[in-house]
Amino acid sequence: MKIVVKIGGSLMKEGVPPGLVDDVAALAPSNQIVIVHGGGDAVTQYAARLGKEQRFVVSPEGMRSRYTDRETVEIYQMVMSGLLAKRLVLAFGKAGVKGVSLAGADGQLLLGKRKTKLVIVDDRGRKVAIEGGYTGKVISVNSSLLDTLLSLGYVPIVSPVAVGEEGEPLNVDGDRAASSIAGKGGADAVVFLTNVDGLELDERLVSRLTPSEASSVLPKIGFGMQKKVLAAAESVEAGVKEAIICSGTRAGPLTKALAHDTCTVISAR
């Protein structure tokens, strides 16, 4: 079974959850696992240490994101690829998992399209267009590189840093990067691990949705979960059998997610 796992940055604030490490170690020998990680809070923290104030913008659809200028994308790349990815490699390696960290520029793994303009909502509630900075969207995945590593028993650990058409690094959303990797790589499942059990509406956990149902509830949920639900729906529309949103803080989080234990499952049926 080929599984793409997105580890939310909220799970890595105090290291890698040991339950997740043990679960990946148990599943990796009989499955092909690709890991994509987040870490936006760590980027903000290290940017502050370097004296670089971070700016966040909100789209008309309510999506909140980091505005990434040249200095910020260099800090983003440094923290994501240089710190957090290696932290995961070391944690999994200690448990016997052969992790290999990769970013978009490595083997042209993630090619992205740079956004020339961003439409945002300003402090007065007006829609305005601003220069796009170094933010992009994944348009191509070198799945053969991942498949080669998987065939040799490695677990690729991917940082959400794509490379643009002019060779520049791009900040890409981690959830949607995981969705692209799963869809273009023919994954059986993509699992989004976060710090909650899944999507909640009216204080109740939603157990199952179709992609169209997922799209219809986007305006009702907060920006953090919004991106996960959107990415999950996109992956199923791209051919992934199921996308699962669940907690990564419990014991055996992947095993329980694949068994549909206390989570939100998005699938065609």
C-alpha atoms as a PDB file:
ATOM      1  CA  MET A   1       0.000   0.000   0.000  1.00  0.00           C
ATOM      2  CA  LYS A   2       1.333   3.444  -0.912  1.00  0.00           C
ATOM      3  CA  ILE A   3       0.575   6.049   1.746  1.00  0.00           C
ATOM      4  CA  VAL A   4       1.389   9.757   1.777  1.00  0.00           C
ATOM      5  CA  VAL A   5       1.481  11.201   5.288  1.00  0.00           C
ATOM      6  CA  LYS A   6       1.341  14.923   6.020  1.00  0.00           C
ATOM      7  CA  ILE A   7       2.670  15.759   9.492  1.00  0.00           C
ATOM      8  CA  GLY A   8       1.247  19.078  10.643  1.00  0.00           C
ATOM      9  CA  GLY A   9       3.634  21.616  12.112  1.00  0.00           C
ATOM     10  CA  SER A  10       1.569  21.651  15.312  1.00  0.00           C
ATOM     11  CA  LEU A  11       2.805  18.121  16.020  1.00  0.00           C
ATOM     12  CA  MET A  12       6.482  19.086  15.804  1.00  0.00           C
ATOM     13  CA  LYS A  13       6.644  21.945  18.294  1.00  0.00           C
ATOM     14  CA  GLU A  14       8.241  19.722  20.922  1.00  0.00           C
ATOM     15  CA  GLY A  15       9.907  17.155  18.696  1.00  0.00           C
ATOM     16  CA  VAL A  16       8.363  14.289  16.749  1.00  0.00           C
ATOM     17  CA  PRO A  17       5.558  12.402  18.592  1.00  0.00           C
ATOM     18  CA  PRO A  18       6.989   9.027  19.666  1.00  0.00           C
ATOM     19  CA  GLY A  19       3.708   7.251  18.868  1.00  0.00           C
ATOM     20  CA  LEU A  20       3.991   8.401  15.267  1.00  0.00           C
ATOM     21  CA  VAL A  21       7.628   7.314  15.004  1.00  0.00           C
ATOM     22  CA  ASP A  22       6.803   3.837  16.314  1.00  0.00           C
ATOM     23  CA  ASP A  23       3.822   3.521  13.979  1.00  0.00           C
ATOM     24  CA  VAL A  24       5.817   4.480  10.875  1.00  0.00           C
ATOM     25  CA  ALA A  25       8.521   2.013  11.922  1.00  0.00           C
ATOM     26  CA  ALA A  26       5.900  -0.749  12.206  1.00  0.00           C
ATOM     27  CA  LEU A  27       4.199   0.040   8.886  1.00  0.00           C
ATOM     28  CA  ALA A  28       7.197   0.884   6.682  1.00  0.00           C
ATOM     29  CA  PRO A  29       8.440  -2.706   6.083  1.00  0.00           C
ATOM     30  CA  SER A  30       5.161  -3.748   4.412  1.00  0.00           C
ATOM     31  CA  ASN A  31       4.021  -0.422   2.925  1.00  0.00           C
ATOM     32  CA  GLN A  32       5.468   2.410   0.862  1.00  0.00           C
ATOM     33  CA  ILE A  33       5.339   5.618   2.911  1.00  0.00           C
ATOM     34  CA  VAL A  34       6.098   9.162   1.816  1.00  0.00           C
ATOM     35  CA  ILE A  35       6.127  11.862   4.482  1.00  0.00           C
ATOM     36  CA  VAL A  36       5.455  15.562   3.913  1.00  0.00           C
ATOM     37  CA  HIS A  37       5.914  17.883   6.872  1.00  0.00           C
ATOM     38  CA  GLY A  38       4.745  21.317   7.911  1.00  0.00           C
ATOM     39  CA  GLY A  39       6.324  23.758  10.336  1.00  0.00           C
ATOM     40  CA  GLY A  40       4.998  27.269   9.848  1.00  0.00           C
ATOM     41  CA  ASP A  41       5.227  28.116  13.549  1.00  0.00           C
ATOM     42  CA  ALA A  42       8.903  27.186  13.590  1.00  0.00           C
ATOM     43  CA  VAL A  43       9.507  29.419  10.556  1.00  0.00           C
ATOM     44  CA  THR A  44       7.853  32.323  12.368  1.00  0.00           C
ATOM     45  CA  GLN A  45       9.898  31.638  15.496  1.00  0.00           C
ATOM     46  CA  TYR A  46      13.256  31.541  13.707  1.00  0.00           C
ATOM     47  CA  ALA A  47      12.373  34.543  11.554  1.00  0.00           C
ATOM     48  CA  ALA A  48      11.779  36.508  14.771  1.00  0.00           C
ATOM     49  CA  ARG A  49      15.178  35.420  16.089  1.00  0.00           C
ATOM     50  CA  LEU A  50      16.724  36.734  12.887  1.00  0.00           C
ATOM     51  CA  GLY A  51      14.843  40.027  13.186  1.00  0.00           C
ATOM     52  CA  LYS A  52      12.577  39.400  10.189  1.00  0.00           C
ATOM     53  CA  GLU A  53       8.975  40.321  10.973  1.00  0.00           C
ATOM     54  CA  GLN A  54       6.470  38.027   9.318  1.00  0.00           C
ATOM     55  CA  ARG A  55       3.407  39.235   7.452  1.00  0.00           C
ATOM     56  CA  PHE A  56       0.250  37.184   7.050  1.00  0.00           C
ATOM     57  CA  VAL A  57      -2.492  37.862   4.516  1.00  0.00           C
ATOM     58  CA  VAL A  58      -6.066  36.615   4.089  1.00  0.00           C
ATOM     59  CA  SER A  59      -7.651  35.726   0.745  1.00  0.00           C
ATOM     60  CA  PRO A  60     -11.253  36.663  -0.130  1.00  0.00           C
ATOM     61  CA  GLU A  61     -12.143  33.007   0.570  1.00  0.00           C
ATOM     62  CA  GLY A  62     -10.794  33.360   4.113  1.00  0.00           C
ATOM     63  CA  MET A  63      -7.531  31.447   3.613  1.00  0.00           C
ATOM     64  CA  ARG A  64      -4.734  32.836   5.787  1.00  0.00           C
ATOM     65  CA  SER A  65      -1.161  32.493   4.523  1.00  0.00           C
ATOM     66  CA  ARG A  66       2.344  33.830   5.012  1.00  0.00           C
ATOM     67  CA  TYR A  67       3.444  36.614   2.673  1.00  0.00           C
ATOM     68  CA  THR A  68       6.783  35.383   1.370  1.00  0.00           C
ATOM     69  CA  ASP A  69       9.332  37.920   0.154  1.00  0.00           C
ATOM     70  CA  ARG A  70      12.888  36.956  -0.858  1.00  0.00           C
ATOM     71  CA  GLU A  71      14.334  37.087   2.657  1.00  0.00           C
ATOM     72  CA  THR A  72      11.401  35.143   4.074  1.00  0.00           C
ATOM     73  CA  VAL A  73      11.640  32.354   1.488  1.00  0.00           C
ATOM     74  CA  GLU A  74      15.307  31.880   2.393  1.00  0.00           C
ATOM     75  CA  ILE A  75      14.407  31.565   6.088  1.00  0.00           C
ATOM     76  CA  TYR A  76      11.505  29.266   5.153  1.00  0.00           C
ATOM     77  CA  GLN A  77      13.809  27.021   3.152  1.00  0.00           C
ATOM     78  CA  MET A  78      16.430  27.003   5.899  1.00  0.00           C
ATOM     79  CA  VAL A  79      13.985  25.984   8.643  1.00  0.00           C
ATOM     80  CA  MET A  80      11.922  23.528   6.615  1.00  0.00           C
ATOM     81  CA  SER A  81      14.686  21.729   4.724  1.00  0.00           C
ATOM     82  CA  GLY A  82      17.641  22.323   7.015  1.00  0.00           C
ATOM     83  CA  LEU A  83      16.106  21.895  10.461  1.00  0.00           C
ATOM     84  CA  LEU A  84      12.723  20.190  10.533  1.00  0.00           C
ATOM     85  CA  ALA A  85      13.354  17.641   7.781  1.00  0.00           C
ATOM     86  CA  LYS A  86      16.587  16.532   9.450  1.00  0.00           C
ATOM     87  CA  ARG A  87      14.834  16.362  12.813  1.00  0.00           C
ATOM     88  CA  LEU A  88      12.407  13.867  11.269  1.00  0.00           C
ATOM     89  CA  VAL A  89      15.201  11.877   9.591  1.00  0.00           C
ATOM     90  CA  LEU A  90      17.000  11.547  12.924  1.00  0.00           C
ATOM     91  CA  ALA A  91      13.856  10.599  14.867  1.00  0.00           C
ATOM     92  CA  PHE A  92      12.819   7.929  12.371  1.00  0.00           C
ATOM     93  CA  GLY A  93      16.384   6.718  11.939  1.00  0.00           C
ATOM     94  CA  LYS A  94      16.616   6.026  15.658  1.00  0.00           C
ATOM     95  CA  ALA A  95      13.622   3.693  15.224  1.00  0.00           C
ATOM     96  CA  GLY A  96      15.239   1.890  12.287  1.00  0.00           C
ATOM     97  CA  VAL A  97      13.461   3.768   9.487  1.00  0.00           C
ATOM     98  CA  LYS A  98      15.696   4.781   6.561  1.00  0.00           C
ATOM     99  CA  GLY A  99      14.516   8.348   5.985  1.00  0.00           C
ATOM    100  CA  VAL A 100      15.818  10.571   3.172  1.00  0.00           C
ATOM    101  CA  SER A 101      15.020  14.289   3.276  1.00  0.00           C
ATOM    102  CA  LEU A 102      14.157  16.060   0.019  1.00  0.00           C
ATOM    103  CA  ALA A 103      12.966  19.492  -1.049  1.00  0.00           C
ATOM    104  CA  GLY A 104      11.615  20.701  -4.366  1.00  0.00           C
ATOM    105  CA  ALA A 105      14.997  21.445  -5.916  1.00  0.00           C
ATOM    106  CA  ASP A 106      16.311  17.945  -5.183  1.00  0.00           C
ATOM    107  CA  GLY A 107      15.948  16.033  -8.440  1.00  0.00           C
ATOM    108  CA  GLN A 108      13.327  18.611  -9.433  1.00  0.00           C
ATOM    109  CA  LEU A 109      10.981  16.818  -7.085  1.00  0.00           C
ATOM    110  CA  LEU A 110       8.421  19.625  -6.819  1.00  0.00           C
ATOM    111  CA  LEU A 111       8.113  22.102  -9.662  1.00  0.00           C
ATOM    112  CA  GLY A 112       5.945  25.089  -8.880  1.00  0.00           C
ATOM    113  CA  LYS A 113       4.236  27.984 -10.591  1.00  0.00           C
ATOM    114  CA  ARG A 114       5.018  31.298  -8.939  1.00  0.00           C
ATOM    115  CA  LYS A 115       2.049  33.513  -8.186  1.00  0.00           C
ATOM    116  CA  THR A 116       2.585  36.883  -9.856  1.00  0.00           C
ATOM    117  CA  LYS A 117      -0.235  38.542  -7.909  1.00  0.00           C
ATOM    118  CA  LEU A 118      -2.204  37.816  -4.754  1.00  0.00           C
ATOM    119  CA  VAL A 119      -5.704  39.099  -4.116  1.00  0.00           C
ATOM    120  CA  ILE A 120      -6.121  39.737  -0.410  1.00  0.00           C
ATOM    121  CA  VAL A 121      -8.517  41.434   1.979  1.00  0.00           C
ATOM    122  CA  ASP A 122      -6.933  44.471   3.625  1.00  0.00           C
ATOM    123  CA  ASP A 123      -7.532  45.832   7.125  1.00  0.00           C
ATOM    124  CA  ARG A 124     -10.565  47.740   5.897  1.00  0.00           C
ATOM    125  CA  GLY A 125     -12.171  44.683   4.359  1.00  0.00           C
ATOM    126  CA  ARG A 126     -11.368  45.706   0.773  1.00  0.00           C
ATOM    127  CA  LYS A 127     -10.069  43.351  -1.913  1.00  0.00           C
ATOM    128  CA  VAL A 128      -6.665  44.489  -3.148  1.00  0.00           C
ATOM    129  CA  ALA A 129      -4.033  42.961  -5.430  1.00  0.00           C
ATOM    130  CA  ILE A 130      -0.432  42.773  -4.245  1.00  0.00           C
ATOM    131  CA  GLU A 131       2.801  41.416  -5.721  1.00  0.00           C
ATOM    132  CA  GLY A 132       2.909  37.630  -5.378  1.00  0.00           C
ATOM    133  CA  GLY A 133       6.328  37.280  -3.758  1.00  0.00           C
ATOM    134  CA  TYR A 134       7.850  33.804  -3.550  1.00  0.00           C
ATOM    135  CA  THR A 135       4.644  31.841  -3.080  1.00  0.00           C
ATOM    136  CA  GLY A 136       3.569  29.183  -5.533  1.00  0.00           C
ATOM    137  CA  LYS A 137       1.535  26.124  -6.339  1.00  0.00           C
ATOM    138  CA  VAL A 138       2.890  22.666  -7.179  1.00  0.00           C
ATOM    139  CA  ILE A 139       2.346  21.862 -10.869  1.00  0.00           C
ATOM    140  CA  SER A 140       4.607  18.838 -11.309  1.00  0.00           C
ATOM    141  CA  VAL A 141       5.940  16.019  -9.104  1.00  0.00           C
ATOM    142  CA  ASN A 142       8.915  13.812  -9.960  1.00  0.00           C
ATOM    143  CA  SER A 143       7.149  10.652  -8.829  1.00  0.00           C
ATOM    144  CA  SER A 144       9.820   8.415 -10.391  1.00  0.00           C
ATOM    145  CA  LEU A 145      12.380   9.775  -7.914  1.00  0.00           C
ATOM    146  CA  LEU A 146      10.105   8.922  -5.007  1.00  0.00           C
ATOM    147  CA  ASP A 147       9.324   5.492  -6.480  1.00  0.00           C
ATOM    148  CA  THR A 148      13.033   4.733  -6.837  1.00  0.00           C
ATOM    149  CA  LEU A 149      13.662   5.541  -3.196  1.00  0.00           C
ATOM    150  CA  LEU A 150      10.587   3.593  -2.091  1.00  0.00           C
ATOM    151  CA  SER A 151      11.678   0.534  -4.099  1.00  0.00           C
ATOM    152  CA  LEU A 152      14.985   0.567  -2.204  1.00  0.00           C
ATOM    153  CA  GLY A 153      13.241   0.633   1.177  1.00  0.00           C
ATOM    154  CA  TYR A 154      13.676   4.333   1.954  1.00  0.00           C
ATOM    155  CA  VAL A 155      11.050   6.660   3.385  1.00  0.00           C
ATOM    156  CA  PRO A 156      11.196  10.024   1.558  1.00  0.00           C
ATOM    157  CA  ILE A 157      10.665  13.004   3.866  1.00  0.00           C
ATOM    158  CA  VAL A 158       9.580  15.981   1.785  1.00  0.00           C
ATOM    159  CA  SER A 159       9.769  19.653   2.745  1.00  0.00           C
ATOM    160  CA  PRO A 160       7.115  21.884   1.098  1.00  0.00           C
ATOM    161  CA  VAL A 161       9.620  23.991  -0.830  1.00  0.00           C
ATOM    162  CA  ALA A 162       9.098  23.894  -4.605  1.00  0.00           C
ATOM    163  CA  VAL A 163      11.387  25.219  -7.319  1.00  0.00           C
ATOM    164  CA  GLY A 164       9.999  27.799  -9.740  1.00  0.00           C
ATOM    165  CA  GLU A 165      10.380  28.210 -13.484  1.00  0.00           C
ATOM    166  CA  GLU A 166      13.388  30.511 -13.016  1.00  0.00           C
ATOM    167  CA  GLY A 167      15.073  28.231 -10.483  1.00  0.00           C
ATOM    168  CA  GLU A 168      13.834  30.180  -7.462  1.00  0.00           C
ATOM    169  CA  PRO A 169      12.624  28.544  -4.207  1.00  0.00           C
ATOM    170  CA  LEU A 170       8.889  28.800  -3.567  1.00  0.00           C
ATOM    171  CA  ASN A 171       6.845  28.508  -0.406  1.00  0.00           C
ATOM    172  CA  VAL A 172       4.059  26.030  -1.194  1.00  0.00           C
ATOM    173  CA  ASP A 173       1.283  24.914   1.133  1.00  0.00           C
ATOM    174  CA  GLY A 174       2.257  21.638   2.818  1.00  0.00           C
ATOM    175  CA  ASP A 175      -1.226  20.111   2.767  1.00  0.00           C
ATOM    176  CA  ARG A 176      -1.685  20.762  -0.933  1.00  0.00           C
ATOM    177  CA  ALA A 177       1.867  19.582  -1.652  1.00  0.00           C
ATOM    178  CA  ALA A 178       0.977  16.284   0.043  1.00  0.00           C
ATOM    179  CA  SER A 179      -2.202  16.145  -2.031  1.00  0.00           C
ATOM    180  CA  SER A 180      -0.220  16.672  -5.261  1.00  0.00           C
ATOM    181  CA  ILE A 181       2.338  14.011  -4.335  1.00  0.00           C
ATOM    182  CA  ALA A 182      -0.437  11.532  -3.507  1.00  0.00           C
ATOM    183  CA  GLY A 183      -2.480  12.267  -6.622  1.00  0.00           C
ATOM    184  CA  LYS A 184       0.375  12.316  -9.118  1.00  0.00           C
ATOM    185  CA  GLY A 185       2.117   9.360  -7.485  1.00  0.00           C
ATOM    186  CA  GLY A 186      -0.869   7.008  -7.469  1.00  0.00           C
ATOM    187  CA  ALA A 187      -1.129   6.722  -3.698  1.00  0.00           C
ATOM    188  CA  ASP A 188      -3.810   4.547  -2.120  1.00  0.00           C
ATOM    189  CA  ALA A 189      -4.308   6.958   0.765  1.00  0.00           C
ATOM    190  CA  VAL A 190      -3.175  10.334   2.035  1.00  0.00           C
ATOM    191  CA  VAL A 191      -3.327  10.956   5.776  1.00  0.00           C
ATOM    192  CA  PHE A 192      -3.270  14.464   7.243  1.00  0.00           C
ATOM    193  CA  LEU A 193      -2.047  14.248  10.843  1.00  0.00           C
ATOM    194  CA  THR A 194      -2.896  17.218  13.030  1.00  0.00           C
ATOM    195  CA  ASN A 195      -3.642  17.990  16.694  1.00  0.00           C
ATOM    196  CA  VAL A 196      -7.409  17.310  16.536  1.00  0.00           C
ATOM    197  CA  ASP A 197      -9.477  14.232  15.679  1.00  0.00           C
ATOM    198  CA  GLY A 198     -10.677  15.588  12.337  1.00  0.00           C
ATOM    199  CA  LEU A 199     -13.258  17.998  10.973  1.00  0.00           C
ATOM    200  CA  GLU A 200     -15.866  19.072  13.493  1.00  0.00           C
ATOM    201  CA  LEU A 201     -19.151  20.752  12.576  1.00  0.00           C
ATOM    202  CA  ASP A 202     -21.617  21.821  15.283  1.00  0.00           C
ATOM    203  CA  GLU A 203     -19.211  20.318  17.844  1.00  0.00           C
ATOM    204  CA  ARG A 204     -19.485  16.859  16.289  1.00  0.00           C
ATOM    205  CA  LEU A 205     -16.818  14.925  14.430  1.00  0.00           C
ATOM    206  CA  VAL A 206     -17.669  14.452  10.764  1.00  0.00           C
ATOM    207  CA  SER A 207     -16.824  10.832   9.941  1.00  0.00           C
ATOM    208  CA  ARG A 208     -17.204  10.817   6.147  1.00  0.00           C
ATOM    209  CA  LEU A 209     -17.545  13.248   3.232  1.00  0.00           C
ATOM    210  CA  THR A 210     -17.414  13.168  -0.548  1.00  0.00           C
ATOM    211  CA  PRO A 211     -15.215  15.768  -2.298  1.00  0.00           C
ATOM    212  CA  SER A 212     -18.263  17.833  -3.290  1.00  0.00           C
ATOM    213  CA  GLU A 213     -19.580  17.762   0.272  1.00  0.00           C
ATOM    214  CA  ALA A 214     -16.141  18.765   1.530  1.00  0.00           C
ATOM    215  CA  SER A 215     -16.063  21.756  -0.826  1.00  0.00           C
ATOM    216  CA  SER A 216     -19.506  22.880   0.329  1.00  0.00           C
ATOM    217  CA  VAL A 217     -18.491  23.049   4.010  1.00  0.00           C
ATOM    218  CA  LEU A 218     -15.296  25.069   3.468  1.00  0.00           C
ATOM    219  CA  PRO A 219     -16.935  28.439   4.319  1.00  0.00           C
ATOM    220  CA  LYS A 220     -18.084  27.026   7.663  1.00  0.00           C
ATOM    221  CA  ILE A 221     -14.673  26.073   9.046  1.00  0.00           C
ATOM    222  CA  GLY A 222     -11.510  27.835  10.213  1.00  0.00           C
ATOM    223  CA  PHE A 223      -8.538  28.489   7.939  1.00  0.00           C
ATOM    224  CA  GLY A 224      -6.269  25.782   9.372  1.00  0.00           C
ATOM    225  CA  MET A 225      -8.752  22.953   8.858  1.00  0.00           C
ATOM    226  CA  GLN A 226      -9.977  24.620   5.661  1.00  0.00           C
ATOM    227  CA  LYS A 227      -6.678  23.936   3.893  1.00  0.00           C
ATOM    228  CA  LYS A 228      -6.660  20.304   4.998  1.00  0.00           C
ATOM    229  CA  VAL A 229     -10.211  19.663   3.819  1.00  0.00           C
ATOM    230  CA  LEU A 230      -9.497  21.381   0.498  1.00  0.00           C
ATOM    231  CA  ALA A 231      -6.293  19.380  -0.013  1.00  0.00           C
ATOM    232  CA  ALA A 232      -8.049  16.143   0.954  1.00  0.00           C
ATOM    233  CA  ALA A 233     -10.855  16.749  -1.547  1.00  0.00           C
ATOM    234  CA  GLU A 234      -8.358  17.615  -4.296  1.00  0.00           C
ATOM    235  CA  SER A 235      -6.399  14.412  -3.720  1.00  0.00           C
ATOM    236  CA  VAL A 236      -9.514  12.225  -4.055  1.00  0.00           C
ATOM    237  CA  GLU A 237     -10.512  14.084  -7.215  1.00  0.00           C
ATOM    238  CA  ALA A 238      -6.999  13.294  -8.531  1.00  0.00           C
ATOM    239  CA  GLY A 239      -7.539   9.565  -8.030  1.00  0.00           C
ATOM    240  CA  VAL A 240      -6.437   8.811  -4.459  1.00  0.00           C
ATOM    241  CA  LYS A 241      -8.838   6.271  -2.946  1.00  0.00           C
ATOM    242  CA  GLU A 242      -9.236   8.089   0.347  1.00  0.00           C
ATOM    243  CA  ALA A 243      -7.976  11.081   2.288  1.00  0.00           C
ATOM    244  CA  ILE A 244      -8.032  10.966   6.069  1.00  0.00           C
ATOM    245  CA  ILE A 245      -7.783  13.815   8.583  1.00  0.00           C
ATOM    246  CA  CYS A 246      -6.986  12.700  12.121  1.00  0.00           C
ATOM    247  CA  SER A 247      -4.998  13.270  15.290  1.00  0.00           C
ATOM    248  CA  GLY A 248      -1.300  12.476  15.258  1.00  0.00           C
ATOM    249  CA  THR A 249      -0.920  12.748  19.023  1.00  0.00           C
ATOM    250  CA  ARG A 250      -2.303   9.317  19.946  1.00  0.00           C
ATOM    251  CA  ALA A 251      -0.598   5.921  19.865  1.00  0.00           C
ATOM    252  CA  GLY A 252      -0.640   4.250  16.456  1.00  0.00           C
ATOM    253  CA  PRO A 253      -2.070   7.278  14.623  1.00  0.00           C
ATOM    254  CA  LEU A 254      -1.555   5.929  11.095  1.00  0.00           C
ATOM    255  CA  THR A 255      -2.812   2.448  11.876  1.00  0.00           C
ATOM    256  CA  LYS A 256      -5.938   3.893  13.489  1.00  0.00           C
ATOM    257  CA  ALA A 257      -6.477   6.330  10.629  1.00  0.00           C
ATOM    258  CA  LEU A 258      -6.313   3.574   8.018  1.00  0.00           C
ATOM    259  CA  ALA A 259      -8.845   1.624  10.117  1.00  0.00           C
ATOM    260  CA  HIS A 260     -11.093   4.744  10.118  1.00  0.00           C
ATOM    261  CA  ASP A 261     -10.927   4.997  13.888  1.00  0.00           C
ATOM    262  CA  THR A 262     -11.976   8.479  15.134  1.00  0.00           C
ATOM    263  CA  CYS A 263     -11.212  10.545  12.055  1.00  0.00           C
ATOM    264  CA  THR A 264     -12.692  12.252   9.011  1.00  0.00           C
ATOM    265  CA  VAL A 265     -12.548  10.241   5.775  1.00  0.00           C
ATOM    266  CA  ILE A 266     -13.015  11.895   2.393  1.00  0.00           C
ATOM    267  CA  SER A 267     -13.633   9.488  -0.483  1.00  0.00           C
ATOM    268  CA  ALA A 268     -15.647   9.254  -3.683  1.00  0.00           C
ATOM    269  CA  ARG A 269     -18.257   7.079  -1.990  1.00  0.00           C
END
